[in-house]
Amino acid sequence: MAKPATRGAVAATINAEDTWTDPLVVQQLERASVSVAGTAFNGTVTLQRMLDGTNWRDVESHTSDAETSYDGDETGFLRIGIKAGGYTSGSVAVRLGKG
């Protein structure tokens, strides 16, 4: 795992499966913004969190452009990307940010 970002934002432009942003640390009661913007994109973008230091678990998924937020109910890591088997075509820009 890449060194997690503790503040600011992580972003990536994705055009392949099994591709993720670097992790972002989200503290309990902290809000993270989630952005998904595609160009002729066909696939599923998944937001995942890790609480135990080992296992990534799905939180939500998007198949089109989206602007949402995630409220941390406990301290952990977030990442956003495309799981294996989730990509068909096009390009999608994803971003996680926090104040």
PDB file of N, CA and C in Angstrom:
ATOM      1  N   MET A   1       0.844  -1.169   0.000  1.00  0.00           N
ATOM      2  CA  MET A   1       0.000   0.000   0.000  1.00  0.00           C
ATOM      3  C   MET A   1       0.893   1.237   0.000  1.00  0.00           C
ATOM      4  N   ALA A   2       0.508   2.194  -0.825  1.00  0.00           N
ATOM      5  CA  ALA A   2       1.222   3.479  -0.863  1.00  0.00           C
ATOM      6  C   ALA A   2       1.040   4.192   0.470  1.00  0.00           C
ATOM      7  N   LYS A   3       1.958   5.115   0.788  1.00  0.00           N
ATOM      8  CA  LYS A   3       1.831   5.879   2.019  1.00  0.00           C
ATOM      9  C   LYS A   3       0.551   6.710   1.962  1.00  0.00           C
ATOM     10  N   PRO A   4      -0.328   6.560   2.954  1.00  0.00           N
ATOM     11  CA  PRO A   4      -1.605   7.271   2.929  1.00  0.00           C
ATOM     12  C   PRO A   4      -1.439   8.776   3.084  1.00  0.00           C
ATOM     13  N   ALA A   5      -2.285   9.523   2.379  1.00  0.00           N
ATOM     14  CA  ALA A   5      -2.335  10.975   2.539  1.00  0.00           C
ATOM     15  C   ALA A   5      -3.151  11.277   3.788  1.00  0.00           C
ATOM     16  N   THR A   6      -2.671  12.164   4.626  1.00  0.00           N
ATOM     17  CA  THR A   6      -3.392  12.497   5.850  1.00  0.00           C
ATOM     18  C   THR A   6      -4.211  13.773   5.707  1.00  0.00           C
ATOM     19  N   ARG A   7      -3.934  14.568   4.698  1.00  0.00           N
ATOM     20  CA  ARG A   7      -4.725  15.774   4.440  1.00  0.00           C
ATOM     21  C   ARG A   7      -4.723  16.060   2.950  1.00  0.00           C
ATOM     22  N   GLY A   8      -5.579  16.983   2.539  1.00  0.00           N
ATOM     23  CA  GLY A   8      -5.635  17.338   1.128  1.00  0.00           C
ATOM     24  C   GLY A   8      -6.498  16.393   0.339  1.00  0.00           C
ATOM     25  N   ALA A   9      -5.947  15.889  -0.772  1.00  0.00           N
ATOM     26  CA  ALA A   9      -6.733  15.066  -1.680  1.00  0.00           C
ATOM     27  C   ALA A   9      -5.854  14.039  -2.380  1.00  0.00           C
ATOM     28  N   VAL A  10      -6.496  12.991  -2.863  1.00  0.00           N
ATOM     29  CA  VAL A  10      -5.866  12.011  -3.738  1.00  0.00           C
ATOM     30  C   VAL A  10      -6.737  11.916  -4.977  1.00  0.00           C
ATOM     31  N   ALA A  11      -6.113  11.747  -6.136  1.00  0.00           N
ATOM     32  CA  ALA A  11      -6.867  11.711  -7.385  1.00  0.00           C
ATOM     33  C   ALA A  11      -6.160  10.813  -8.390  1.00  0.00           C
ATOM     34  N   ALA A  12      -6.925  10.372  -9.383  1.00  0.00           N
ATOM     35  CA  ALA A  12      -6.361   9.560 -10.462  1.00  0.00           C
ATOM     36  C   ALA A  12      -7.274   9.646 -11.674  1.00  0.00           C
ATOM     37  N   THR A  13      -6.690   9.495 -12.839  1.00  0.00           N
ATOM     38  CA  THR A  13      -7.457   9.293 -14.063  1.00  0.00           C
ATOM     39  C   THR A  13      -7.286   7.827 -14.415  1.00  0.00           C
ATOM     40  N   ILE A  14      -8.400   7.133 -14.531  1.00  0.00           N
ATOM     41  CA  ILE A  14      -8.376   5.675 -14.657  1.00  0.00           C
ATOM     42  C   ILE A  14      -8.946   5.246 -15.994  1.00  0.00           C
ATOM     43  N   ASN A  15      -8.230   4.334 -16.650  1.00  0.00           N
ATOM     44  CA  ASN A  15      -8.723   3.743 -17.897  1.00  0.00           C
ATOM     45  C   ASN A  15      -8.350   2.267 -17.982  1.00  0.00           C
ATOM     46  N   ALA A  16      -8.377   1.593 -16.821  1.00  0.00           N
ATOM     47  CA  ALA A  16      -8.099   0.162 -16.747  1.00  0.00           C
ATOM     48  C   ALA A  16      -8.678  -0.384 -15.445  1.00  0.00           C
ATOM     49  N   GLU A  17      -8.915  -1.656 -15.404  1.00  0.00           N
ATOM     50  CA  GLU A  17      -9.424  -2.269 -14.178  1.00  0.00           C
ATOM     51  C   GLU A  17      -8.320  -2.434 -13.139  1.00  0.00           C
ATOM     52  N   ASP A  18      -8.723  -2.678 -11.908  1.00  0.00           N
ATOM     53  CA  ASP A  18      -7.830  -2.871 -10.769  1.00  0.00           C
ATOM     54  C   ASP A  18      -6.846  -1.704 -10.620  1.00  0.00           C
ATOM     55  N   THR A  19      -7.392  -0.484 -10.696  1.00  0.00           N
ATOM     56  CA  THR A  19      -6.606   0.749 -10.577  1.00  0.00           C
ATOM     57  C   THR A  19      -7.261   1.632  -9.516  1.00  0.00           C
ATOM     58  N   TRP A  20      -6.441   2.169  -8.595  1.00  0.00           N
ATOM     59  CA  TRP A  20      -6.953   2.891  -7.430  1.00  0.00           C
ATOM     60  C   TRP A  20      -6.156   4.161  -7.163  1.00  0.00           C
ATOM     61  N   THR A  21      -6.779   5.097  -6.447  1.00  0.00           N
ATOM     62  CA  THR A  21      -6.034   6.230  -5.906  1.00  0.00           C
ATOM     63  C   THR A  21      -5.167   5.709  -4.763  1.00  0.00           C
ATOM     64  N   ASP A  22      -4.209   6.532  -4.346  1.00  0.00           N
ATOM     65  CA  ASP A  22      -3.526   6.249  -3.095  1.00  0.00           C
ATOM     66  C   ASP A  22      -4.556   6.357  -1.982  1.00  0.00           C
ATOM     67  N   PRO A  23      -4.310   5.742  -0.841  1.00  0.00           N
ATOM     68  CA  PRO A  23      -5.268   5.852   0.264  1.00  0.00           C
ATOM     69  C   PRO A  23      -5.264   7.239   0.907  1.00  0.00           C
ATOM     70  N   LEU A  24      -6.403   7.596   1.471  1.00  0.00           N
ATOM     71  CA  LEU A  24      -6.580   8.849   2.195  1.00  0.00           C
ATOM     72  C   LEU A  24      -7.051   8.501   3.604  1.00  0.00           C
ATOM     73  N   VAL A  25      -6.382   9.018   4.613  1.00  0.00           N
ATOM     74  CA  VAL A  25      -6.795   8.792   5.999  1.00  0.00           C
ATOM     75  C   VAL A  25      -8.002   9.672   6.304  1.00  0.00           C
ATOM     76  N   VAL A  26      -9.056   9.056   6.823  1.00  0.00           N
ATOM     77  CA  VAL A  26     -10.243   9.795   7.247  1.00  0.00           C
ATOM     78  C   VAL A  26     -10.472   9.472   8.722  1.00  0.00           C
ATOM     79  N   GLN A  27     -10.473  10.509   9.539  1.00  0.00           N
ATOM     80  CA  GLN A  27     -10.667  10.363  10.978  1.00  0.00           C
ATOM     81  C   GLN A  27     -12.153  10.213  11.304  1.00  0.00           C
ATOM     82  N   GLN A  28     -12.431   9.690  12.483  1.00  0.00           N
ATOM     83  CA  GLN A  28     -13.799   9.605  12.955  1.00  0.00           C
ATOM     84  C   GLN A  28     -14.417  11.007  12.947  1.00  0.00           C
ATOM     85  N   LEU A  29     -15.636  11.117  12.474  1.00  0.00           N
ATOM     86  CA  LEU A  29     -16.410  12.354  12.373  1.00  0.00           C
ATOM     87  C   LEU A  29     -15.862  13.339  11.349  1.00  0.00           C
ATOM     88  N   GLU A  30     -14.987  12.890  10.467  1.00  0.00           N
ATOM     89  CA  GLU A  30     -14.446  13.737   9.404  1.00  0.00           C
ATOM     90  C   GLU A  30     -15.163  13.401   8.098  1.00  0.00           C
ATOM     91  N   ARG A  31     -15.404  14.411   7.269  1.00  0.00           N
ATOM     92  CA  ARG A  31     -16.094  14.227   5.997  1.00  0.00           C
ATOM     93  C   ARG A  31     -15.096  14.284   4.848  1.00  0.00           C
ATOM     94  N   ALA A  32     -15.249  13.376   3.900  1.00  0.00           N
ATOM     95  CA  ALA A  32     -14.437  13.375   2.684  1.00  0.00           C
ATOM     96  C   ALA A  32     -15.353  13.582   1.485  1.00  0.00           C
ATOM     97  N   SER A  33     -14.906  14.397   0.524  1.00  0.00           N
ATOM     98  CA  SER A  33     -15.665  14.577  -0.711  1.00  0.00           C
ATOM     99  C   SER A  33     -15.270  13.484  -1.696  1.00  0.00           C
ATOM    100  N   VAL A  34     -16.236  13.053  -2.494  1.00  0.00           N
ATOM    101  CA  VAL A  34     -16.041  12.002  -3.483  1.00  0.00           C
ATOM    102  C   VAL A  34     -16.468  12.554  -4.833  1.00  0.00           C
ATOM    103  N   SER A  35     -15.576  12.503  -5.825  1.00  0.00           N
ATOM    104  CA  SER A  35     -15.881  13.026  -7.151  1.00  0.00           C
ATOM    105  C   SER A  35     -15.576  11.970  -8.212  1.00  0.00           C
ATOM    106  N   VAL A  36     -16.526  11.776  -9.138  1.00  0.00           N
ATOM    107  CA  VAL A  36     -16.376  10.842 -10.254  1.00  0.00           C
ATOM    108  C   VAL A  36     -16.829  11.575 -11.514  1.00  0.00           C
ATOM    109  N   ALA A  37     -15.942  11.703 -12.513  1.00  0.00           N
ATOM    110  CA  ALA A  37     -16.280  12.391 -13.756  1.00  0.00           C
ATOM    111  C   ALA A  37     -15.677  11.628 -14.928  1.00  0.00           C
ATOM    112  N   GLY A  38     -16.526  11.074 -15.781  1.00  0.00           N
ATOM    113  CA  GLY A  38     -16.046  10.232 -16.869  1.00  0.00           C
ATOM    114  C   GLY A  38     -16.143  10.868 -18.238  1.00  0.00           C
ATOM    115  N   THR A  39     -15.308  10.371 -19.159  1.00  0.00           N
ATOM    116  CA  THR A  39     -15.321  10.769 -20.558  1.00  0.00           C
ATOM    117  C   THR A  39     -15.580   9.502 -21.369  1.00  0.00           C
ATOM    118  N   ALA A  40     -16.792   9.399 -21.920  1.00  0.00           N
ATOM    119  CA  ALA A  40     -17.183   8.194 -22.648  1.00  0.00           C
ATOM    120  C   ALA A  40     -16.864   6.964 -21.816  1.00  0.00           C
ATOM    121  N   PHE A  41     -17.136   7.071 -20.510  1.00  0.00           N
ATOM    122  CA  PHE A  41     -16.777   6.022 -19.575  1.00  0.00           C
ATOM    123  C   PHE A  41     -17.887   4.994 -19.440  1.00  0.00           C
ATOM    124  N   ASN A  42     -17.501   3.731 -19.421  1.00  0.00           N
ATOM    125  CA  ASN A  42     -18.430   2.632 -19.185  1.00  0.00           C
ATOM    126  C   ASN A  42     -17.756   1.680 -18.212  1.00  0.00           C
ATOM    127  N   GLY A  43     -18.239   1.642 -16.989  1.00  0.00           N
ATOM    128  CA  GLY A  43     -17.661   0.783 -15.959  1.00  0.00           C
ATOM    129  C   GLY A  43     -18.243   1.141 -14.605  1.00  0.00           C
ATOM    130  N   THR A  44     -17.665   0.577 -13.554  1.00  0.00           N
ATOM    131  CA  THR A  44     -18.124   0.815 -12.199  1.00  0.00           C
ATOM    132  C   THR A  44     -16.976   1.300 -11.336  1.00  0.00           C
ATOM    133  N   VAL A  45     -17.136   2.480 -10.766  1.00  0.00           N
ATOM    134  CA  VAL A  45     -16.157   3.050  -9.846  1.00  0.00           C
ATOM    135  C   VAL A  45     -16.610   2.702  -8.430  1.00  0.00           C
ATOM    136  N   THR A  46     -15.683   2.223  -7.604  1.00  0.00           N
ATOM    137  CA  THR A  46     -16.019   1.783  -6.255  1.00  0.00           C
ATOM    138  C   THR A  46     -15.217   2.553  -5.219  1.00  0.00           C
ATOM    139  N   LEU A  47     -15.905   3.035  -4.192  1.00  0.00           N
ATOM    140  CA  LEU A  47     -15.260   3.637  -3.023  1.00  0.00           C
ATOM    141  C   LEU A  47     -15.091   2.522  -2.000  1.00  0.00           C
ATOM    142  N   GLN A  48     -13.872   2.384  -1.469  1.00  0.00           N
ATOM    143  CA  GLN A  48     -13.591   1.353  -0.480  1.00  0.00           C
ATOM    144  C   GLN A  48     -12.963   1.972   0.759  1.00  0.00           C
ATOM    145  N   ARG A  49     -13.146   1.307   1.901  1.00  0.00           N
ATOM    146  CA  ARG A  49     -12.461   1.723   3.122  1.00  0.00           C
ATOM    147  C   ARG A  49     -11.783   0.522   3.759  1.00  0.00           C
ATOM    148  N   MET A  50     -10.737   0.795   4.541  1.00  0.00           N
ATOM    149  CA  MET A  50     -10.013  -0.234   5.269  1.00  0.00           C
ATOM    150  C   MET A  50      -9.917   0.213   6.724  1.00  0.00           C
ATOM    151  N   LEU A  51     -10.383  -0.636   7.627  1.00  0.00           N
ATOM    152  CA  LEU A  51     -10.355  -0.322   9.046  1.00  0.00           C
ATOM    153  C   LEU A  51      -9.340  -1.167   9.809  1.00  0.00           C
ATOM    154  N   ASP A  52      -9.034  -2.348   9.291  1.00  0.00           N
ATOM    155  CA  ASP A  52      -8.197  -3.294  10.032  1.00  0.00           C
ATOM    156  C   ASP A  52      -6.744  -3.343   9.565  1.00  0.00           C
ATOM    157  N   GLY A  53      -6.364  -2.487   8.592  1.00  0.00           N
ATOM    158  CA  GLY A  53      -4.996  -2.487   8.085  1.00  0.00           C
ATOM    159  C   GLY A  53      -4.720  -3.542   7.033  1.00  0.00           C
ATOM    160  N   THR A  54      -5.731  -4.340   6.679  1.00  0.00           N
ATOM    161  CA  THR A  54      -5.538  -5.433   5.719  1.00  0.00           C
ATOM    162  C   THR A  54      -6.600  -5.495   4.632  1.00  0.00           C
ATOM    163  N   ASN A  55      -7.860  -5.440   5.010  1.00  0.00           N
ATOM    164  CA  ASN A  55      -8.956  -5.731   4.087  1.00  0.00           C
ATOM    165  C   ASN A  55      -9.702  -4.481   3.632  1.00  0.00           C
ATOM    166  N   TRP A  56      -9.754  -4.291   2.306  1.00  0.00           N
ATOM    167  CA  TRP A  56     -10.560  -3.217   1.715  1.00  0.00           C
ATOM    168  C   TRP A  56     -11.982  -3.728   1.561  1.00  0.00           C
ATOM    169  N   ARG A  57     -12.941  -2.910   1.968  1.00  0.00           N
ATOM    170  CA  ARG A  57     -14.359  -3.259   1.865  1.00  0.00           C
ATOM    171  C   ARG A  57     -15.094  -2.181   1.066  1.00  0.00           C
ATOM    172  N   ASP A  58     -16.020  -2.616   0.210  1.00  0.00           N
ATOM    173  CA  ASP A  58     -16.792  -1.689  -0.611  1.00  0.00           C
ATOM    174  C   ASP A  58     -17.724  -0.846   0.260  1.00  0.00           C
ATOM    175  N   VAL A  59     -17.786   0.459  -0.055  1.00  0.00           N
ATOM    176  CA  VAL A  59     -18.672   1.384   0.640  1.00  0.00           C
ATOM    177  C   VAL A  59     -19.809   1.817  -0.288  1.00  0.00           C
ATOM    178  N   GLU A  60     -19.467   2.197  -1.521  1.00  0.00           N
ATOM    179  CA  GLU A  60     -20.462   2.608  -2.501  1.00  0.00           C
ATOM    180  C   GLU A  60     -19.856   2.459  -3.890  1.00  0.00           C
ATOM    181  N   SER A  61     -20.725   2.481  -4.903  1.00  0.00           N
ATOM    182  CA  SER A  61     -20.226   2.396  -6.278  1.00  0.00           C
ATOM    183  C   SER A  61     -21.020   3.356  -7.160  1.00  0.00           C
ATOM    184  N   HIS A  62     -20.388   3.732  -8.298  1.00  0.00           N
ATOM    185  CA  HIS A  62     -20.975   4.688  -9.236  1.00  0.00           C
ATOM    186  C   HIS A  62     -20.725   4.207 -10.664  1.00  0.00           C
ATOM    187  N   THR A  63     -21.739   4.350 -11.510  1.00  0.00           N
ATOM    188  CA  THR A  63     -21.590   4.005 -12.926  1.00  0.00           C
ATOM    189  C   THR A  63     -21.719   5.233 -13.820  1.00  0.00           C
ATOM    190  N   SER A  64     -21.851   6.409 -13.200  1.00  0.00           N
ATOM    191  CA  SER A  64     -21.918   7.669 -13.941  1.00  0.00           C
ATOM    192  C   SER A  64     -21.295   8.764 -13.076  1.00  0.00           C
ATOM    193  N   ASP A  65     -21.230   9.978 -13.626  1.00  0.00           N
ATOM    194  CA  ASP A  65     -20.654  11.098 -12.878  1.00  0.00           C
ATOM    195  C   ASP A  65     -21.377  11.257 -11.534  1.00  0.00           C
ATOM    196  N   ALA A  66     -20.592  11.628 -10.508  1.00  0.00           N
ATOM    197  CA  ALA A  66     -21.169  11.783  -9.174  1.00  0.00           C
ATOM    198  C   ALA A  66     -20.346  12.743  -8.337  1.00  0.00           C
ATOM    199  N   GLU A  67     -21.016  13.473  -7.474  1.00  0.00           N
ATOM    200  CA  GLU A  67     -20.391  14.322  -6.449  1.00  0.00           C
ATOM    201  C   GLU A  67     -21.105  13.987  -5.155  1.00  0.00           C
ATOM    202  N   THR A  68     -20.420  13.303  -4.257  1.00  0.00           N
ATOM    203  CA  THR A  68     -21.020  12.897  -2.994  1.00  0.00           C
ATOM    204  C   THR A  68     -20.027  13.155  -1.864  1.00  0.00           C
ATOM    205  N   SER A  69     -20.395  12.721  -0.673  1.00  0.00           N
ATOM    206  CA  SER A  69     -19.466  12.817   0.451  1.00  0.00           C
ATOM    207  C   SER A  69     -19.554  11.549   1.275  1.00  0.00           C
ATOM    208  N   TYR A  70     -18.504  11.324   2.054  1.00  0.00           N
ATOM    209  CA  TYR A  70     -18.422  10.167   2.937  1.00  0.00           C
ATOM    210  C   TYR A  70     -18.119  10.677   4.334  1.00  0.00           C
ATOM    211  N   ASP A  71     -18.927  10.292   5.302  1.00  0.00           N
ATOM    212  CA  ASP A  71     -18.717  10.681   6.690  1.00  0.00           C
ATOM    213  C   ASP A  71     -18.056   9.538   7.438  1.00  0.00           C
ATOM    214  N   GLY A  72     -16.860   9.791   7.971  1.00  0.00           N
ATOM    215  CA  GLY A  72     -16.129   8.757   8.691  1.00  0.00           C
ATOM    216  C   GLY A  72     -16.780   8.446  10.026  1.00  0.00           C
ATOM    217  N   ASP A  73     -17.253   7.212  10.183  1.00  0.00           N
ATOM    218  CA  ASP A  73     -17.845   6.819  11.455  1.00  0.00           C
ATOM    219  C   ASP A  73     -16.790   6.252  12.407  1.00  0.00           C
ATOM    220  N   GLU A  74     -15.615   5.954  11.868  1.00  0.00           N
ATOM    221  CA  GLU A  74     -14.442   5.612  12.654  1.00  0.00           C
ATOM    222  C   GLU A  74     -13.212   5.854  11.796  1.00  0.00           C
ATOM    223  N   THR A  75     -12.053   6.002  12.410  1.00  0.00           N
ATOM    224  CA  THR A  75     -10.829   6.311  11.676  1.00  0.00           C
ATOM    225  C   THR A  75     -10.427   5.135  10.800  1.00  0.00           C
ATOM    226  N   GLY A  76     -10.082   5.441   9.544  1.00  0.00           N
ATOM    227  CA  GLY A  76      -9.649   4.407   8.610  1.00  0.00           C
ATOM    228  C   GLY A  76      -9.110   5.034   7.344  1.00  0.00           C
ATOM    229  N   PHE A  77      -8.929   4.204   6.330  1.00  0.00           N
ATOM    230  CA  PHE A  77      -8.413   4.630   5.036  1.00  0.00           C
ATOM    231  C   PHE A  77      -9.524   4.532   4.000  1.00  0.00           C
ATOM    232  N   LEU A  78      -9.531   5.465   3.041  1.00  0.00           N
ATOM    233  CA  LEU A  78     -10.429   5.408   1.886  1.00  0.00           C
ATOM    234  C   LEU A  78      -9.597   5.368   0.619  1.00  0.00           C
ATOM    235  N   ARG A  79     -10.122   4.730  -0.396  1.00  0.00           N
ATOM    236  CA  ARG A  79      -9.557   4.792  -1.743  1.00  0.00           C
ATOM    237  C   ARG A  79     -10.721   4.661  -2.715  1.00  0.00           C
ATOM    238  N   ILE A  80     -10.494   5.129  -3.947  1.00  0.00           N
ATOM    239  CA  ILE A  80     -11.529   5.034  -4.969  1.00  0.00           C
ATOM    240  C   ILE A  80     -10.874   4.578  -6.260  1.00  0.00           C
ATOM    241  N   GLY A  81     -11.578   3.716  -6.990  1.00  0.00           N
ATOM    242  CA  GLY A  81     -11.015   3.198  -8.232  1.00  0.00           C
ATOM    243  C   GLY A  81     -11.939   2.184  -8.871  1.00  0.00           C
ATOM    244  N   ILE A  82     -11.353   1.352  -9.720  1.00  0.00           N
ATOM    245  CA  ILE A  82     -12.114   0.350 -10.454  1.00  0.00           C
ATOM    246  C   ILE A  82     -11.573  -1.033 -10.101  1.00  0.00           C
ATOM    247  N   LYS A  83     -12.473  -1.883  -9.611  1.00  0.00           N
ATOM    248  CA  LYS A  83     -12.095  -3.238  -9.240  1.00  0.00           C
ATOM    249  C   LYS A  83     -11.833  -4.082 -10.495  1.00  0.00           C
ATOM    250  N   ALA A  84     -11.147  -5.199 -10.315  1.00  0.00           N
ATOM    251  CA  ALA A  84     -10.945  -6.161 -11.402  1.00  0.00           C
ATOM    252  C   ALA A  84     -12.314  -6.572 -11.943  1.00  0.00           C
ATOM    253  N   GLY A  85     -12.470  -6.501 -13.252  1.00  0.00           N
ATOM    254  CA  GLY A  85     -13.732  -6.839 -13.897  1.00  0.00           C
ATOM    255  C   GLY A  85     -14.716  -5.681 -13.982  1.00  0.00           C
ATOM    256  N   GLY A  86     -14.358  -4.509 -13.448  1.00  0.00           N
ATOM    257  CA  GLY A  86     -15.278  -3.379 -13.412  1.00  0.00           C
ATOM    258  C   GLY A  86     -15.112  -2.373 -14.532  1.00  0.00           C
ATOM    259  N   TYR A  87     -14.152  -2.588 -15.428  1.00  0.00           N
ATOM    260  CA  TYR A  87     -13.871  -1.615 -16.492  1.00  0.00           C
ATOM    261  C   TYR A  87     -14.308  -2.162 -17.843  1.00  0.00           C
ATOM    262  N   THR A  88     -14.965  -1.298 -18.644  1.00  0.00           N
ATOM    263  CA  THR A  88     -15.322  -1.668 -20.013  1.00  0.00           C
ATOM    264  C   THR A  88     -14.618  -0.758 -21.016  1.00  0.00           C
ATOM    265  N   SER A  89     -14.802   0.575 -20.887  1.00  0.00           N
ATOM    266  CA  SER A  89     -14.180   1.490 -21.842  1.00  0.00           C
ATOM    267  C   SER A  89     -14.182   2.918 -21.319  1.00  0.00           C
ATOM    268  N   GLY A  90     -13.406   3.769 -21.972  1.00  0.00           N
ATOM    269  CA  GLY A  90     -13.367   5.182 -21.651  1.00  0.00           C
ATOM    270  C   GLY A  90     -12.387   5.511 -20.543  1.00  0.00           C
ATOM    271  N   SER A  91     -12.548   6.717 -20.011  1.00  0.00           N
ATOM    272  CA  SER A  91     -11.652   7.232 -18.986  1.00  0.00           C
ATOM    273  C   SER A  91     -12.487   7.922 -17.916  1.00  0.00           C
ATOM    274  N   VAL A  92     -12.074   7.787 -16.649  1.00  0.00           N
ATOM    275  CA  VAL A  92     -12.801   8.426 -15.566  1.00  0.00           C
ATOM    276  C   VAL A  92     -11.808   9.078 -14.600  1.00  0.00           C
ATOM    277  N   ALA A  93     -12.109  10.313 -14.210  1.00  0.00           N
ATOM    278  CA  ALA A  93     -11.303  11.026 -13.216  1.00  0.00           C
ATOM    279  C   ALA A  93     -11.990  10.859 -11.865  1.00  0.00           C
ATOM    280  N   VAL A  94     -11.224  10.394 -10.884  1.00  0.00           N
ATOM    281  CA  VAL A  94     -11.760  10.205  -9.541  1.00  0.00           C
ATOM    282  C   VAL A  94     -10.934  11.017  -8.550  1.00  0.00           C
ATOM    283  N   ARG A  95     -11.604  11.453  -7.479  1.00  0.00           N
ATOM    284  CA  ARG A  95     -10.914  12.269  -6.472  1.00  0.00           C
ATOM    285  C   ARG A  95     -11.574  12.070  -5.117  1.00  0.00           C
ATOM    286  N   LEU A  96     -10.734  11.981  -4.086  1.00  0.00           N
ATOM    287  CA  LEU A  96     -11.180  12.015  -2.696  1.00  0.00           C
ATOM    288  C   LEU A  96     -10.494  13.204  -2.053  1.00  0.00           C
ATOM    289  N   GLY A  97     -11.224  14.018  -1.341  1.00  0.00           N
ATOM    290  CA  GLY A  97     -10.611  15.173  -0.699  1.00  0.00           C
ATOM    291  C   GLY A  97     -11.215  15.423   0.660  1.00  0.00           C
ATOM    292  N   LYS A  98     -10.501  16.191   1.460  1.00  0.00           N
ATOM    293  CA  LYS A  98     -11.017  16.597   2.767  1.00  0.00           C
ATOM    294  C   LYS A  98     -10.393  17.913   3.168  1.00  0.00           C
ATOM    295  N   GLY A  99     -11.103  18.641   4.022  1.00  0.00           N
ATOM    296  CA  GLY A  99     -10.686  19.961   4.431  1.00  0.00           C
ATOM    297  C   GLY A  99      -9.431  19.962   5.173  1.00  0.00           C
TER     298      GLY A  99
END
